[in-house]
Protein backbone atom coordinates (compact mmCIF):
# COMPACT_ATOMS: atom_id res chain seq x y z
CA MET A 1 50.64 -9.88 30.31
CA LYS A 2 51.84 -6.25 30.56
CA GLY A 3 49.94 -4.01 33.12
CA PHE A 4 48.21 -0.79 32.48
CA ASN A 5 50.39 2.09 31.37
CA ASN A 6 50.81 4.65 34.19
CA GLY A 7 49.77 7.35 31.70
CA ILE A 8 46.41 5.64 30.85
CA PRO A 9 43.77 8.40 30.28
CA LEU A 10 41.25 8.73 33.13
CA LEU A 11 38.38 8.22 30.72
CA LEU A 12 39.57 4.80 29.46
CA LEU A 13 40.10 3.65 33.07
CA VAL A 14 36.53 4.71 34.01
CA VAL A 15 35.15 2.75 31.03
CA SER A 16 37.21 -0.30 31.71
CA LEU A 17 35.89 -0.15 35.32
CA PHE A 18 32.32 0.22 33.96
CA TYR A 19 32.57 -2.87 31.80
CA LEU A 20 33.95 -4.93 34.80
CA SER A 21 31.11 -3.70 36.93
CA ILE A 22 28.37 -5.03 34.50
CA LEU A 23 29.89 -8.38 33.72
CA LYS A 24 28.28 -11.16 35.46
CA VAL A 25 29.62 -14.70 36.27
CA GLU A 26 31.14 -16.50 33.34
CA GLY A 27 28.65 -18.55 31.34
CA GLU A 28 25.63 -16.46 32.21
CA THR A 29 23.64 -14.38 29.80
CA TYR A 30 24.44 -10.73 29.41
CA SER A 31 20.86 -9.44 29.06
CA HIS A 32 19.65 -6.10 27.54
CA SER A 33 18.56 -4.67 30.83
CA GLU A 34 21.81 -5.36 32.44
CA CYS A 35 24.25 -4.18 29.88
CA GLN A 36 22.70 -1.86 27.52
CA LYS A 37 24.56 1.41 27.59
CA ASN A 38 22.08 3.76 25.81
CA PRO A 39 18.69 2.22 25.15
CA GLN A 40 17.80 5.24 22.96
CA GLU A 41 20.33 4.18 20.33
CA GLY A 42 18.45 0.88 19.60
CA LEU A 43 19.92 -2.15 17.76
CA ARG A 44 22.78 -1.34 15.26
CA LEU A 45 24.64 -3.60 12.99
CA SER A 46 27.97 -3.17 11.25
CA THR A 47 29.40 -5.46 8.68
CA PHE A 48 32.99 -6.35 7.70
CA ASP A 49 34.49 -8.22 4.72
CA ILE A 50 38.18 -8.75 4.08
CA ASP A 51 40.41 -10.89 1.90
CA VAL A 52 42.22 -13.66 3.96
CA THR A 53 43.89 -15.37 0.94
CA PRO A 54 47.54 -16.15 1.60
CA PRO A 55 50.14 -14.92 -0.99
CA VAL A 56 51.76 -17.29 -3.40
CA GLY A 57 54.53 -19.19 -1.79
CA SER A 58 52.71 -19.42 1.48
CA PRO A 59 51.67 -22.67 3.17
CA LEU A 60 48.19 -23.87 3.01
CA ALA A 61 46.95 -26.67 5.39
CA TYR A 62 48.42 -29.36 3.15
CA ASP A 63 50.35 -27.67 0.33
CA VAL A 64 52.16 -24.62 -0.56
CA SER A 65 50.21 -22.00 -2.52
CA ILE A 66 51.37 -21.86 -6.15
CA ASN A 67 48.72 -19.45 -7.70
CA LYS A 68 45.54 -17.55 -7.16
CA TRP A 69 42.04 -18.29 -8.19
CA ASP A 70 39.36 -15.95 -9.50
CA LEU A 71 37.78 -15.77 -6.10
CA GLY A 72 39.94 -15.46 -2.89
CA LEU A 73 39.24 -16.42 0.60
CA ARG A 74 37.04 -14.02 2.74
CA ALA A 75 36.52 -13.25 6.41
CA LYS A 76 32.90 -11.97 6.70
CA GLY A 77 30.71 -11.05 9.66
CA ILE A 78 28.61 -8.64 11.69
CA VAL A 79 29.01 -6.67 14.82
CA LEU A 80 25.60 -6.33 16.60
CA GLN A 81 25.31 -3.46 19.07
CA GLY A 82 22.52 -2.30 21.33
CA ALA A 83 21.81 -5.42 23.30
CA GLY A 84 24.51 -5.44 25.90
CA LEU A 85 28.17 -5.75 25.09
CA PRO A 86 28.69 -6.04 21.27
CA ILE A 87 28.26 -9.41 19.65
CA VAL A 88 30.55 -10.55 16.79
CA LEU A 89 29.81 -13.37 14.30
CA CYS A 90 32.60 -14.03 12.03
CA SER A 91 32.78 -16.82 9.17
CA ILE A 92 36.14 -17.45 7.52
CA ASP A 93 37.17 -19.38 4.39
CA TRP A 94 39.80 -21.50 6.22
CA LEU A 95 40.11 -25.14 6.90
CA ALA A 96 40.45 -24.70 10.72
CA ILE A 97 41.14 -22.44 13.66
CA GLY A 98 41.65 -24.25 16.90
CA ASN A 99 42.95 -24.39 20.51
CA GLU A 100 44.98 -21.28 21.37
CA GLY A 101 44.61 -20.01 17.80
CA MET A 102 40.77 -19.67 18.61
CA ASP A 103 41.68 -17.92 21.82
CA GLU A 104 43.82 -15.46 19.93
CA PHE A 105 40.94 -14.64 17.33
CA LYS A 106 38.32 -14.14 20.10
CA ARG A 107 40.49 -11.95 22.33
CA ALA A 108 41.58 -9.70 19.44
CA LEU A 109 38.01 -9.34 18.13
CA ALA A 110 36.64 -8.67 21.60
CA ALA A 111 39.24 -5.97 22.17
CA ALA A 112 38.36 -4.38 18.85
CA VAL A 113 34.74 -3.85 19.74
CA GLY A 114 34.93 -3.45 23.35
CA SER A 115 33.33 -6.81 24.40
CA THR A 116 34.38 -10.06 25.95
CA PRO A 117 35.58 -13.17 24.15
CA GLU A 118 32.47 -15.02 25.26
CA ARG A 119 30.37 -12.76 22.99
CA ILE A 120 32.50 -13.55 19.95
CA SER A 121 31.85 -16.45 17.58
CA VAL A 122 34.38 -17.42 14.94
CA ASN A 123 33.60 -20.26 12.60
CA VAL A 124 35.45 -21.63 9.49
CA LEU A 125 33.77 -23.08 6.48
CA HIS A 126 36.43 -25.82 6.26
CA GLN A 127 37.47 -25.44 2.61
CA HIS A 128 40.62 -27.63 2.18
CA ASP A 129 42.73 -25.50 -0.29
CA ALA A 130 43.10 -22.96 2.53
CA PRO A 131 45.15 -22.31 5.67
CA ARG A 132 44.77 -23.41 9.17
CA PHE A 133 45.63 -21.74 12.52
CA ASP A 134 46.37 -23.55 15.72
CA ALA A 135 48.75 -21.73 18.00
CA GLY A 136 48.64 -24.49 20.53
CA ALA A 137 49.86 -27.04 18.00
CA GLU A 138 52.51 -24.48 16.80
CA GLN A 139 53.74 -24.27 20.31
CA ILE A 140 53.93 -27.99 20.86
CA LEU A 141 56.20 -28.27 17.69
CA LEU A 142 58.31 -25.38 18.83
CA GLU A 143 58.82 -26.91 22.15
CA ALA A 144 60.04 -30.16 20.32
CA GLY A 145 62.46 -28.20 18.16
CA ILE A 146 60.45 -28.87 15.02
CA ASP A 147 59.75 -26.12 12.43
CA PRO A 148 55.88 -25.71 12.31
CA ALA A 149 56.21 -24.29 8.82
CA ILE A 150 57.19 -27.77 7.50
CA ILE A 151 54.27 -29.55 5.99
CA ASN A 152 54.46 -33.13 7.40
CA PRO A 153 51.51 -33.50 6.57
CA THR A 154 50.09 -30.52 8.23
CA ASN A 155 51.24 -27.00 8.43
CA PHE A 156 51.05 -25.12 11.68
CA ASP A 157 53.12 -21.98 10.97
CA GLY A 158 51.11 -19.03 12.39
CA THR A 159 52.77 -16.16 10.42
CA PHE A 160 50.12 -15.47 7.92
CA PRO A 161 47.18 -16.31 10.07
CA ARG A 162 48.36 -13.61 12.67
CA GLU A 163 48.87 -11.02 9.83
CA ALA A 164 45.32 -11.83 8.70
CA LEU A 165 43.95 -11.42 12.16
CA ARG A 166 45.61 -8.19 12.53
CA ARG A 167 43.95 -6.88 9.36
CA LEU A 168 40.76 -8.31 10.46
CA THR A 169 40.79 -6.62 13.76
CA VAL A 170 41.38 -3.26 12.09
CA ALA A 171 38.50 -3.88 9.70
CA VAL A 172 36.12 -4.91 12.51
CA LYS A 173 36.97 -1.98 14.63
CA SER A 174 36.60 0.36 11.57
CA ALA A 175 33.20 -1.10 10.96
CA LEU A 176 31.95 0.18 14.27
CA SER A 177 32.14 3.82 12.78
CA SER A 178 29.37 3.09 10.30
CA PRO A 179 26.54 0.95 11.86
CA GLN A 180 23.11 0.70 10.43
CA PRO A 181 19.99 0.58 12.47
CA VAL A 182 18.32 -2.78 12.72
CA THR A 183 14.46 -2.56 12.73
CA HIS A 184 13.40 -5.95 11.46
CA LEU A 185 14.51 -9.55 11.41
CA GLY A 186 13.88 -11.88 8.57
CA ILE A 187 13.81 -15.63 8.67
CA GLY A 188 13.49 -18.21 5.75
CA LYS A 189 14.34 -21.79 4.87
CA ALA A 190 14.39 -23.97 1.81
CA ILE A 191 15.36 -27.45 0.83
CA VAL A 192 18.81 -27.94 -1.06
CA ASP A 193 18.61 -30.46 -3.82
CA ARG A 194 21.31 -33.11 -4.48
CA VAL A 195 24.28 -31.66 -2.59
CA ALA A 196 24.58 -33.31 0.83
CA SER A 197 24.77 -37.03 1.50
CA ASN A 198 25.88 -38.96 4.63
CA ARG A 199 29.39 -40.10 4.43
CA ASN A 200 28.73 -43.42 6.27
CA ILE A 201 27.21 -46.63 4.62
CA TYR A 202 26.42 -49.26 7.11
CA GLY A 203 26.69 -53.10 6.69
CA HIS A 204 24.23 -55.72 7.98
CA ASP A 205 25.95 -55.80 11.25
CA GLY A 206 25.23 -52.11 11.77
CA LYS A 207 28.81 -51.05 11.48
CA VAL A 208 30.34 -48.58 9.09
CA ARG A 209 30.99 -50.67 5.85
CA VAL A 210 32.44 -47.90 3.80
CA THR A 211 32.87 -44.07 4.16
CA ARG A 212 31.66 -42.00 1.18
CA MET A 213 34.07 -39.08 1.01
CA SER A 214 33.61 -35.71 -0.77
CA THR A 215 34.75 -37.21 -4.07
CA THR A 216 33.52 -40.80 -4.70
CA LYS A 217 34.79 -42.39 -7.87
CA ASP A 218 33.14 -45.85 -7.33
CA PRO A 219 29.59 -45.56 -9.05
CA ASP A 220 28.18 -48.37 -6.75
CA ILE A 221 28.91 -46.37 -3.72
CA ARG A 222 27.40 -43.15 -5.15
CA ALA A 223 24.37 -45.31 -5.84
CA GLU A 224 23.88 -45.98 -2.08
CA PRO A 225 21.01 -43.98 -0.44
CA GLU A 226 21.58 -40.36 0.43
CA GLY A 227 21.34 -41.32 4.10
CA LEU A 228 20.76 -39.09 7.24
CA ILE A 229 21.25 -35.38 6.34
CA ASP A 230 19.57 -32.07 7.17
CA PRO A 231 18.35 -30.95 3.75
CA GLU A 232 17.22 -27.47 4.88
CA LEU A 233 19.13 -24.27 4.37
CA SER A 234 18.26 -21.61 6.97
CA LEU A 235 18.49 -17.82 6.24
CA ILE A 236 18.52 -15.14 8.76
CA SER A 237 18.49 -11.47 7.56
CA PHE A 238 18.86 -8.13 9.32
CA TRP A 239 16.94 -5.10 7.90
CA ASN A 240 16.87 -1.39 8.31
CA GLU A 241 13.14 -0.94 7.48
CA ASN A 242 12.86 -2.21 3.90
CA LYS A 243 16.64 -2.36 3.20
CA PRO A 244 18.49 -5.65 3.89
CA VAL A 245 21.75 -5.06 5.67
CA ALA A 246 23.19 -8.58 6.13
CA ILE A 247 22.08 -12.04 5.15
CA MET A 248 23.34 -15.12 6.99
CA SER A 249 22.91 -18.72 5.56
CA TYR A 250 23.33 -21.98 7.28
CA TYR A 251 23.74 -25.37 5.62
CA ALA A 252 25.37 -28.68 6.84
CA THR A 253 27.86 -30.26 4.47
CA HIS A 254 31.58 -30.49 3.90
CA PRO A 255 32.36 -27.90 1.25
CA GLN A 256 34.67 -29.90 -1.03
CA SER A 257 34.11 -30.48 -4.80
CA TYR A 258 37.84 -31.14 -5.43
CA TYR A 259 40.95 -29.78 -3.74
CA ARG A 260 44.73 -30.27 -3.14
CA THR A 261 45.22 -27.89 -6.14
CA GLY A 262 47.75 -25.55 -4.37
CA ILE A 263 45.43 -22.66 -5.28
CA PRO A 264 43.51 -21.05 -2.48
CA ASN A 265 39.79 -21.00 -3.26
CA PRO A 266 36.51 -20.95 -1.39
CA ASP A 267 34.99 -23.99 -3.35
CA PHE A 268 31.28 -24.34 -4.17
CA VAL A 269 29.98 -22.70 -0.94
CA GLY A 270 31.99 -19.63 -1.75
CA VAL A 271 30.77 -19.54 -5.29
CA ALA A 272 27.15 -19.76 -4.21
CA ARG A 273 27.69 -16.97 -1.75
CA PHE A 274 29.13 -14.86 -4.48
CA PHE A 275 26.07 -15.61 -6.84
CA ARG A 276 23.77 -14.39 -3.95
CA GLN A 277 25.91 -11.28 -3.37
CA LEU A 278 25.43 -10.40 -6.92
CA ALA A 279 21.66 -11.05 -6.77
CA VAL A 280 21.12 -8.93 -3.59
CA PRO A 281 24.10 -6.55 -3.75
CA ASP A 282 23.17 -4.15 -0.93
CA ALA A 283 23.40 -6.65 1.78
CA LEU A 284 26.55 -8.57 3.00
CA HIS A 285 25.99 -12.35 2.43
CA ILE A 286 27.64 -14.48 5.12
CA HIS A 287 27.60 -18.29 4.88
CA PHE A 288 28.16 -20.68 7.86
CA ASN A 289 28.63 -24.39 7.84
CA GLY A 290 26.16 -26.33 9.91
CA ALA A 291 26.83 -29.72 11.63
CA GLY A 292 28.40 -31.42 8.48
CA GLY A 293 30.95 -33.63 10.06
CA ASN A 294 29.64 -36.74 8.62
CA ILE A 295 28.04 -35.03 5.52
CA ALA A 296 29.54 -34.54 2.20
CA ALA A 297 28.72 -34.20 -1.43
CA GLY A 298 30.04 -37.87 -2.13
CA LYS A 299 26.84 -39.41 -3.47
CA TYR A 300 26.62 -36.66 -6.14
CA ASN A 301 30.32 -36.06 -6.92
CA ASP A 302 32.69 -38.27 -8.97
CA GLY A 303 35.39 -35.61 -8.74
CA SER A 304 34.69 -33.96 -12.00
CA HIS A 305 35.85 -30.32 -11.84
CA GLU A 306 32.62 -29.06 -13.42
CA ASN A 307 30.81 -30.17 -10.37
CA ARG A 308 31.98 -27.19 -8.53
CA LEU A 309 29.71 -25.07 -10.57
CA VAL A 310 26.82 -27.57 -10.28
CA PHE A 311 26.95 -27.69 -6.50
CA ALA A 312 27.30 -23.93 -6.28
CA GLN A 313 24.22 -23.47 -8.39
CA ARG A 314 22.40 -25.87 -6.34
CA LEU A 315 23.24 -24.29 -3.12
CA ALA A 316 22.63 -20.90 -4.41
CA ASN A 317 19.18 -22.01 -5.49
CA GLY A 318 18.50 -23.05 -1.93
CA MET A 319 19.57 -19.65 -0.66
CA GLU A 320 17.37 -17.86 -3.32
CA LYS A 321 14.34 -19.97 -2.29
CA ALA A 322 15.03 -19.38 1.32
CA TRP A 323 15.24 -15.64 0.54
CA GLU A 324 12.02 -15.67 -1.29
CA THR A 325 10.30 -17.26 1.54
CA THR A 326 11.66 -14.89 4.11
CA LYS A 327 9.20 -13.42 6.52
CA LYS A 328 10.14 -10.18 8.47
CA LYS A 329 9.12 -9.15 11.80
CA PRO A 330 10.09 -5.94 13.80
CA ILE A 331 12.91 -6.50 16.34
CA THR A 332 14.23 -4.51 19.20
CA ALA A 333 16.91 -4.90 21.77
CA ALA A 334 14.50 -6.48 24.14
CA ASN A 335 14.21 -9.49 21.74
CA VAL A 336 17.97 -10.08 21.49
CA SER A 337 20.10 -12.08 24.02
CA TRP A 338 23.25 -13.98 24.09
CA SER A 339 23.65 -17.06 26.15
CA VAL A 340 26.81 -19.18 26.91
CA GLU A 341 27.37 -22.62 28.33
CA LYS A 342 30.95 -23.47 29.15
CA VAL A 343 31.51 -27.18 28.64
CA ALA A 344 34.45 -29.43 29.36
CA LEU A 345 34.62 -32.05 26.47
CA PRO A 346 36.20 -35.46 27.50
CA PRO A 347 39.41 -36.32 25.74
CA ALA A 348 39.78 -39.50 23.85
CA PRO A 349 41.53 -42.20 25.91
CA TYR A 350 44.26 -42.87 23.31
CA LEU A 351 45.58 -39.35 23.56
CA PHE A 352 47.12 -40.21 26.99
CA LYS A 353 49.04 -43.02 25.34
CA ILE A 354 50.66 -40.69 22.81
CA GLN A 355 51.36 -38.19 25.56
CA GLU A 356 53.34 -40.87 27.52
CA GLU A 357 55.21 -41.94 24.41
CA LEU A 358 56.18 -38.23 23.57
CA LYS A 359 57.75 -37.98 27.03
CA LEU A 360 60.41 -40.49 25.75
CA SER A 361 60.86 -39.10 22.29
CA ASN A 362 59.70 -36.64 19.77
CA GLU A 363 59.70 -39.06 17.03
CA LEU A 364 55.97 -39.12 16.64
CA LEU A 365 55.81 -35.45 16.05
CA LYS A 366 58.62 -35.64 13.46
CA LYS A 367 56.75 -38.47 11.54
CA ASN A 368 53.35 -36.71 11.76
CA SER A 369 53.06 -32.99 12.71
CA GLY A 370 49.29 -33.49 12.99
CA ILE A 371 49.80 -34.99 16.36
CA ALA A 372 50.69 -31.65 17.72
CA ARG A 373 47.18 -30.47 17.34
CA LYS A 374 46.10 -33.54 19.41
CA MET A 375 48.50 -32.85 22.19
CA ALA A 376 47.62 -29.20 22.23
CA TRP A 377 43.93 -30.10 22.79
CA LEU A 378 44.87 -32.70 25.44
CA ARG A 379 46.99 -30.03 27.29
CA ARG A 380 44.09 -27.61 27.27
CA THR A 381 41.70 -30.26 28.71
CA GLN A 382 44.28 -31.15 31.47
CA THR A 383 44.62 -27.42 32.46
CA GLY A 384 40.80 -27.01 32.82
CA LYS A 385 40.27 -25.10 29.66
CA THR A 386 36.57 -25.23 28.53
CA ILE A 387 34.78 -24.63 25.26
CA ASP A 388 32.09 -21.98 24.80
CA ILE A 389 28.76 -23.11 23.34
CA SER A 390 26.73 -20.03 22.67
CA CYS A 391 23.20 -19.17 21.39
CA LEU A 392 22.05 -15.88 19.90
CA SER A 393 18.29 -15.32 20.46
CA LEU A 394 16.58 -13.06 17.93
CA ASN A 395 12.82 -12.91 18.21
CA ASP A 396 11.79 -16.56 17.76
CA ALA A 397 15.12 -17.48 15.97
CA ARG A 398 17.97 -19.28 17.85
CA ILE A 399 21.45 -19.45 16.40
CA LEU A 400 23.72 -22.17 18.13
CA HIS A 401 27.46 -21.85 17.77
CA MET A 402 29.25 -25.14 18.17
CA PRO A 403 32.84 -26.51 18.04
CA GLY A 404 34.25 -29.25 16.01
CA GLU A 405 33.35 -31.21 12.99
CA LEU A 406 30.07 -32.03 14.44
CA PHE A 407 27.74 -34.87 13.37
CA VAL A 408 24.56 -33.81 11.80
CA GLU A 409 22.58 -35.70 14.50
CA TYR A 410 23.29 -32.77 16.86
CA GLN A 411 21.74 -30.21 14.50
CA LEU A 412 18.68 -32.41 13.85
CA ALA A 413 18.26 -32.96 17.72
CA ALA A 414 18.46 -29.27 18.39
CA LYS A 415 15.72 -28.55 15.86
CA ALA A 416 13.59 -31.31 17.13
CA SER A 417 13.77 -30.08 20.63
CA ARG A 418 12.26 -26.78 19.90
CA THR A 419 9.87 -27.11 17.04
CA ASP A 420 8.21 -23.82 18.08
CA LEU A 421 11.37 -21.89 17.27
CA PHE A 422 13.49 -21.28 14.26
CA VAL A 423 16.68 -23.15 15.19
CA THR A 424 19.74 -23.16 13.24
CA MET A 425 23.36 -24.05 13.78
CA ALA A 426 26.85 -22.88 12.95
CA ALA A 427 29.49 -25.60 13.68
CA TYR A 428 33.24 -25.59 12.94
CA GLY A 429 34.10 -23.22 15.59
CA ASP A 430 37.11 -24.28 17.70
CA LEU A 431 38.52 -27.45 15.74
CA GLY A 432 41.18 -28.48 18.29
CA MET A 433 39.14 -31.55 19.09
CA GLY A 434 38.54 -32.58 15.46
CA TYR A 435 35.44 -34.61 14.62
CA ILE A 436 32.71 -35.07 17.24
CA GLY A 437 30.46 -38.02 16.75
CA THR A 438 27.52 -39.34 18.71
CA SER A 439 27.89 -42.07 21.28
CA LEU A 440 26.41 -44.61 18.99
CA ALA A 441 28.70 -43.44 16.17
CA TYR A 442 31.90 -44.45 18.17
CA GLU A 443 30.42 -47.92 18.45
CA LYS A 444 29.61 -48.21 14.80
CA GLY A 445 33.09 -47.04 13.68
CA GLY A 446 34.20 -45.21 10.53
CA TYR A 447 36.81 -42.63 9.66
CA GLU A 448 35.21 -39.74 11.50
CA VAL A 449 35.34 -41.41 14.94
CA SER A 450 38.85 -43.04 14.41
CA GLU A 451 41.83 -42.13 16.37
CA ARG A 452 43.15 -40.34 13.37
CA ALA A 453 40.12 -37.84 13.23
CA SER A 454 38.54 -37.58 16.59
CA ASN A 455 40.10 -36.34 19.89
CA VAL A 456 37.13 -36.84 22.16
CA ALA A 457 35.53 -39.69 24.01
CA PRO A 458 32.07 -41.00 23.26
CA GLU A 459 30.69 -39.45 26.43
CA VAL A 460 30.99 -36.05 24.51
CA GLU A 461 27.29 -36.58 23.31
CA GLY A 462 25.89 -36.17 26.80
CA VAL A 463 27.96 -33.09 27.49
CA LEU A 464 26.94 -31.27 24.27
CA MET A 465 23.25 -32.33 24.25
CA LYS A 466 22.87 -30.92 27.77
CA ALA A 467 24.39 -27.61 26.76
CA ILE A 468 22.26 -27.37 23.65
CA ASN A 469 19.10 -28.17 25.52
CA ASP A 470 19.89 -25.75 28.37
CA LEU A 471 20.53 -22.90 25.81
CA LEU A 472 17.35 -23.49 23.92
CA LYS A 473 15.25 -23.46 27.10
CA LYS A 474 16.45 -19.79 27.86
C-alpha cells in the first residue's frame, strides 16, 4: 500500500485523524453518541442503483454471455448517514462475491462514503445467469499458471467485476450529494404463497434421501411435502414524512426458475422487484435473499419457462401485502446502531487434504477450477482472517447480515430468539465458504453439506449462533 502523498491537504489529514480518533476496538458498536459528527443534521439516506450486466462475450459464472435480456442485472442500495460513520447496504444481482473479492468491495465502498469496511454490507441475490467475483480464487489460479478466464467449470476472471465495482463506487459517492431526511421507519410482513420449499427430502433413517433442486422434473418428488421453510417476507421502509424513500424486502429462497441460458438476467426475484418498483415508483426497491441455502422453488417448478412469471407474481404479491400492512413509526439517530461480531469459521477437514495434494501438483486445479475458491477460503482461515456478522438496529427492527449459503434454520432461530423484535436476515454475503449447514445437517447428508458444496466444519453452527444471539442482545 502506498503512503500518503507529501502534498496531502491539511484539511484531509485532520479529517483522517478525526476518524481514527473516534473508531473503537474492532467488532464493537459505533454508537450515535460516539460518532455523530453533526447531530443537528439528523438521519439522512441516499440511494444508488446501477446496471452491472456484463457485455456480450463476457464470462458469466458458468457460461459466456451471448445476448441480453429485457431486464439487466442491478446493484442497488442505500447509504445511511447521521448515526455514526456512514452505513452502506448493497444488494447485487450476481451469483457470488467471496474471499478477497468481498474485501475489495467493502474497502472501495467504505472509502467512497468515508466509513470503515466493518460498516459495509454487500449481499448477492445468487442468480445463476450472472457473474461471480472471487479475487482470492483468481490469485490461486494465477499462482498456478492457470488462466482464471477459462470456464472449467467456473470462471474467476475479475476484469468485469472490478470495472463494475469502479462504477459502483462512483455512483455511491455521487449519491452522497443528494440525501433525503429520514423521519419514519416502516415495517411489514406477509406470507409468500407457493414459491419456497425445502430442498432436502428425508428417508426413514433420517438421512437425506433426495435433494429437490430448483427445477424438479419428477412429479413424485414435487409431490413431497413443502418441508421446513420461512414463508414470511419482511419489508423495511425508510420515509421522509409521508414520502417513501427506500423499500427493502427480505425472503429466503434460491432465486432460480431456469438458467444456463448464456443470457444475464435477474430471474424471478428481479422481475418481482421490478413489478414493485412500478407500483411504488418514488422509492427505490431493494431485495435481499434470506437464509435460503437449503430452500428452492423445486416443489412448484418443473422447469417450464413460464414459471418465471408465476413465481415473480407470487413473490410480488407477498411484497405488496407486506407493503399494505406496513406500520410507520418516527425514528431518530438515537434509535439507530450498527453492531459487528467478528467470527472465525472452522474450515472443513477435507480442505487440508486438497491443500497437501496441490503441494505436489496443480492437476486438481486444471481439472476443476472451482477448487481455487476452496483453497482461497482455507488460506484466509489459516492466516487468521475473520468474517463480519453485522446487525443494523432500527427502532424495534433488527437486520442481520450473514455470510454463505446459509440454511434456513439459522433465520428461524434468530427470529425465535427475539419474538419481541422485528428480526430479518440477509444472507449470501461473503460466499468464500459456500454452503453453511447446521451441525445436524452434516450428519444427515445431502448435496449442500457435501465436500463439493460446503467448505466449513459442522462446528460452524455454534460459532454463528453465538454471534447471532450476541448481536440480538444488544
